[in-house]
Structure formats: C-alpha cells, structure tokens
Amino acid sequence: MLADPRVWVALAVGVLAWLPLLAWNADNHDAGLKFQVVERHPWTFEWNGLWFLVIQPMLVTPILCMAMWKVALAGTRSGGGTRVQWRYFGLVGGVSTLGIFLLVFFTDVARISFHWPLPGYLALLVAVPVVLNGWPRWLRRTGWWLAGAGMVLAFGYYLMASTPSLREQLAGSKYYPRNFAGWQPLAAAVREELQQMPAGTRVLAGNFKVGAELGFQLGDGDIEVLPHPLNDKHGRTAQLAQWDLLHAGTRAAPMLLVLSPSDQRYRDLLARYHAICEQVGPLPAPRVVSSDHGFQRFLLLRLPPQRASGACVTPAMAWLDAPANGEKVSGTLAIRGWAFKDGVGLAGVEVLVDGRSIGSARYGRVFDVRQTWPDSTDPQHPAVGFDATLDTSTLAPGRHWMGLRLHGHDGSVEEWQEQPFEVR
C-alpha cells in the first residue's frame, strides 16, 4: 500500500491542511497548541479514565462496538484474503481510537469530550458491513436493533433538551442539559432591553459562551466579551484578542452587560462580581432571565455611557438552609437561610412557592457569613439571615419548588434559583 504514490499524495494533502493552523499558532505565541497540549491537561495518570472506556461501548452500542474492534484487529493482519482497503480503514480507525482511549488516563477527564473518538469510528464503520456479513443472522439483527435503540435514545435526549416542559424535569440533577437551555428567552430579553436603551447600545457578554450564543441568536458576530477565567480555560482569550472582541473595560456609549452566574462556581461568584466591578464599575440593578426554576439564569445590566463612581455594587447572593434540597416535609415548615447584596444591602426577602409569593420573610437575623465571604461589603453584616414559616397542609402532596425574591436598597428585584422539596 505504501508503494502506491496516490497514498503519499493523499497524505501530503492532509499535511497541507494543517498549515493554516500552524501559521496561526506561530503568529500567536503557540496559544492554541499550548492550550490543547499543555495547559488543558494534567498529564498525570488518573483512574477516572476507566469511565470513558465503559461509557463509549454503551454510546456506540455493544455489538456495533465489537464489530468495529474486529475491523481494527483485521487491519493488523496481512493476507488471509483481507483486501487492502479494509486493512487501511481498520488501521486508520483503530490507531486513532486506541490512541484516544490511552490518552483519557492522562488528559482532562473533567472536560473530556465523548466525540473525540468519532473520526476513528467513522473509518471503522466503513468496513463494519464486511464483518457483519460473516456473523449469524440473529447476531446481526440484534446489532441492528441495539443500534436503532441507541439512536432513538440519543435523539430522545436532544428532544428532551429542546423541550422546556421536559427539560425542567431534570432541573437540579447532574443530567440537566444546561448548555442547551435558556438561550432563546435570553435573546428575546436582550432584544427588549436594546429597544428601550439609546440607539447605538452594544451588547457586552460576561464570557465567550454567552457572546457566542447571543451572536448566533441575534445574528451579531461582533459582540465584545469581558476577560473571564472561562475564556482562558477553553483557550478562547487569544482568539477574542485577535478579533478585537476582548473588552478593555472602557466605553463611550451605553452597553448592555449580560452575565451568566450559572457558569461560575458558587464559591467564586462573589469574587467574580467584584472583578466585574473593577472592569466596568458599580453594577446597576439587573433584570433576571431565568429558565427551568433558575438552573439556567442570566442577568442583564444597563451600563451607563461613562463608568460610574462609588463602591462596588453587585447582584444579590442567597442560600436556603431549610428546607434542604429535595427534603420531605409535612406540617409547619420552618424556612431559614441568608442573603446579602454588596454595596447597598437588601431591604427584604420574599418567599415563593411554585412561583407564587407566600409573603415576606423576617430579614435581619444575625448570621455572620463573612468567614465564607470575607470580601463581602454588604453594610448590614452580620444581620443577613432570614426566617419564615409555611403551612404545608395548603399544598398538594408531591414535589414543589421554593424560591426567593430579593429586594435591594437600590431598587433591584432579583429572583433566586429555586429549590425542590416534597410534601408528604
């Protein structure tokens, strides 16, 4: 096969396809290569990689996976009537797939992509019919049924992710498809805000994900993005800088800032808000755009043409201590938690059940959270606890959702992420 000049021509064309990428990296201090090869991965052995090896046959479906591996093994054998083209596809697909399977033990298992072996799978699939023809009929039929069932399940998951009434059933679970949720309502809210703001107002995204999704929804590929650790983590900072879309922090016209608190670990959220204050100034009262009980949540903030002076004002922070997430309750339910808003403080906390207000909580109980949030500047510390009660006999048995509506001294009204509880 290697004596055939056409093979070398094909390989040369493949190598040439890499030249634009290599040229870009050469002009940008190898930013892409350093991220993909060095910065993204720990390069230390991790047993968690075994999960990848278990999940992949399930995604491919077991019998189809066995057939593809038989194609890969056949590619290692010469003669025996095996045609050269089947050996070629077996070797190409087998080597690339095996390489990915070995790398998962050393790469970033927290963000490993299940589509990484796909190029190898496509090469192996070309020769799978040859293998299936040599199997018993019952095994072939079982393989087709399993592959069909796997396809139905995969499409079913995406149908669920695109249907709000189905998707919200997974809210709060680790299977909740947050990356697919809430973008259309966000785009509609952004359009409404832009219509009410002065002509020439630009959108400013809190990170590259928000900028990319809004750019797609609004048909605007020039949305500026704030510096964010998420941009660095996904290797997007160099790209944004090259496209002149990395916001420098100065502005001469009003901007609509769009933040996604859900993209930040909660323990780092307050520090992120303060970092944004340093970039754009004190934050005005936000409009909250919430989907699926707040498990996808965005904040829209109207920034004035010039940076405002004064202390940092952030969106509110809150936590429900009771009831616990998913707790089974009956009788009179004691509701406890804490909430604060840096810069101005909160005027009150309203309790919601299934989206309806059941009244205001008693706000101002002494509950010092500054050990956890030492940089908080709420003037009402340590009196940021709240209490309320709920007669659960007024609710039907089953699952309900408890939320908070936080009223700031600056006039802001922010609805917090809801928490499920079950009435017995």
Foldseek 3Di string as FASTA:
>chain_A
DVVDVVVVVVVVVVVVVCVVVVVVCVVQVNLVVCQVPPVQWQQDFDPVLVVLVVVLCLLQPPLLVVLLVVLLVVLVDPDPPDDPLSVVLSVVLVVQLVVVSVCSRTTDVVDDDSCSSVVSSVSSVVCSVVVLVPDDPVSSVVVVVRNVVSVVVVVVLVVQLQDQVSLLVCPPPPSRPLLSPDLLLVLVVVVVVQVVFDPPAAEEEAAVSNLVSNCVVVVNNQHAYEDDVVCSNVSNPSVCVVVVRHDQLAFQAKYKYKYWLLVDDLLCSVVSQVVVCVRHNAWAFWDWRAGSQRNTIMTITIRGSGHDDDDHWGDKDWDWPPPDFAAEDAFKGKTKIFMFIAPFTFPFKFKDKQRHTPGTWAFFCFDAPCVSVVPGHGVSPRRGMTIDMDGCVVDDFFKMKMWMWTATPSRHTDIHRIGIYGYD
